[in-house]
């Protein structure tokens, strides 16, 4: 199950920097996670200062 980023995203990029498989990219108003690439490791959720990332 992939992780998702809510509208609480601050667009800081901490999640993208922590993703070991490069599944996170900058979207129009927030970062987005490619569910097909997501390894479900949780490193992005742990790195998010806004706690905007959760399991889908």
C-alpha atoms as a PDB file:
ATOM      1  CA  UNK A   1       0.000   0.000   0.000  1.00  0.00           C
ATOM      2  CA  UNK A   2       1.508   3.290  -1.093  1.00  0.00           C
ATOM      3  CA  UNK A   3       1.729   6.411   1.009  1.00  0.00           C
ATOM      4  CA  UNK A   4      -0.131   9.617   0.129  1.00  0.00           C
ATOM      5  CA  UNK A   5       0.589  13.280   0.816  1.00  0.00           C
ATOM      6  CA  UNK A   6      -2.233  15.447   2.132  1.00  0.00           C
ATOM      7  CA  UNK A   7      -2.946  19.121   1.488  1.00  0.00           C
ATOM      8  CA  UNK A   8      -1.003  19.893   4.687  1.00  0.00           C
ATOM      9  CA  UNK A   9       2.195  19.520   2.612  1.00  0.00           C
ATOM     10  CA  UNK A  10       4.582  22.458   3.030  1.00  0.00           C
ATOM     11  CA  UNK A  11       6.433  21.680  -0.263  1.00  0.00           C
ATOM     12  CA  UNK A  12       9.717  21.583   1.651  1.00  0.00           C
ATOM     13  CA  UNK A  13      11.076  18.527  -0.191  1.00  0.00           C
ATOM     14  CA  UNK A  14      12.174  16.607   2.910  1.00  0.00           C
ATOM     15  CA  UNK A  15      10.125  13.604   1.813  1.00  0.00           C
ATOM     16  CA  UNK A  16      11.630  13.509  -1.673  1.00  0.00           C
ATOM     17  CA  UNK A  17      15.139  13.697  -0.238  1.00  0.00           C
ATOM     18  CA  UNK A  18      14.417  10.740   2.057  1.00  0.00           C
ATOM     19  CA  UNK A  19      12.800   8.453  -0.549  1.00  0.00           C
ATOM     20  CA  UNK A  20      15.207   5.601  -1.424  1.00  0.00           C
ATOM     21  CA  UNK A  21      13.405   4.742  -4.680  1.00  0.00           C
ATOM     22  CA  UNK A  22      12.730   8.244  -6.034  1.00  0.00           C
ATOM     23  CA  UNK A  23       8.953   7.855  -5.920  1.00  0.00           C
ATOM     24  CA  UNK A  24       8.277  11.437  -4.790  1.00  0.00           C
ATOM     25  CA  UNK A  25       8.249  14.471  -7.056  1.00  0.00           C
ATOM     26  CA  UNK A  26       7.127  18.079  -6.834  1.00  0.00           C
ATOM     27  CA  UNK A  27       3.562  18.616  -8.008  1.00  0.00           C
ATOM     28  CA  UNK A  28       1.721  21.860  -8.716  1.00  0.00           C
ATOM     29  CA  UNK A  29       0.788  22.715  -5.118  1.00  0.00           C
ATOM     30  CA  UNK A  30       2.336  19.856  -3.131  1.00  0.00           C
ATOM     31  CA  UNK A  31       4.662  16.904  -3.495  1.00  0.00           C
ATOM     32  CA  UNK A  32       3.178  13.683  -4.886  1.00  0.00           C
ATOM     33  CA  UNK A  33       4.048  10.008  -4.484  1.00  0.00           C
ATOM     34  CA  UNK A  34       4.039   7.646  -7.476  1.00  0.00           C
ATOM     35  CA  UNK A  35       2.149   4.636  -6.090  1.00  0.00           C
ATOM     36  CA  UNK A  36       3.740   2.302  -8.649  1.00  0.00           C
ATOM     37  CA  UNK A  37       7.247   3.196  -7.451  1.00  0.00           C
ATOM     38  CA  UNK A  38       6.513   3.499  -3.715  1.00  0.00           C
ATOM     39  CA  UNK A  39       8.294   0.773  -1.712  1.00  0.00           C
ATOM     40  CA  UNK A  40       6.030   1.358   1.319  1.00  0.00           C
ATOM     41  CA  UNK A  41       9.053   1.898   3.570  1.00  0.00           C
ATOM     42  CA  UNK A  42       7.701   4.903   5.493  1.00  0.00           C
ATOM     43  CA  UNK A  43      10.866   6.982   5.311  1.00  0.00           C
ATOM     44  CA  UNK A  44       8.937   9.864   3.754  1.00  0.00           C
ATOM     45  CA  UNK A  45       6.386   9.939   6.572  1.00  0.00           C
ATOM     46  CA  UNK A  46       9.161   9.947   9.154  1.00  0.00           C
ATOM     47  CA  UNK A  47      10.908  12.860   7.393  1.00  0.00           C
ATOM     48  CA  UNK A  48       7.823  15.060   6.937  1.00  0.00           C
ATOM     49  CA  UNK A  49       7.851  18.016   9.389  1.00  0.00           C
ATOM     50  CA  UNK A  50       4.143  18.705   8.746  1.00  0.00           C
ATOM     51  CA  UNK A  51       3.068  15.094   9.323  1.00  0.00           C
ATOM     52  CA  UNK A  52       1.284  15.329   5.954  1.00  0.00           C
ATOM     53  CA  UNK A  53       2.113  11.783   4.796  1.00  0.00           C
ATOM     54  CA  UNK A  54       0.114   8.674   5.680  1.00  0.00           C
ATOM     55  CA  UNK A  55      -0.666   5.235   4.326  1.00  0.00           C
ATOM     56  CA  UNK A  56      -3.367   5.213   1.676  1.00  0.00           C
END
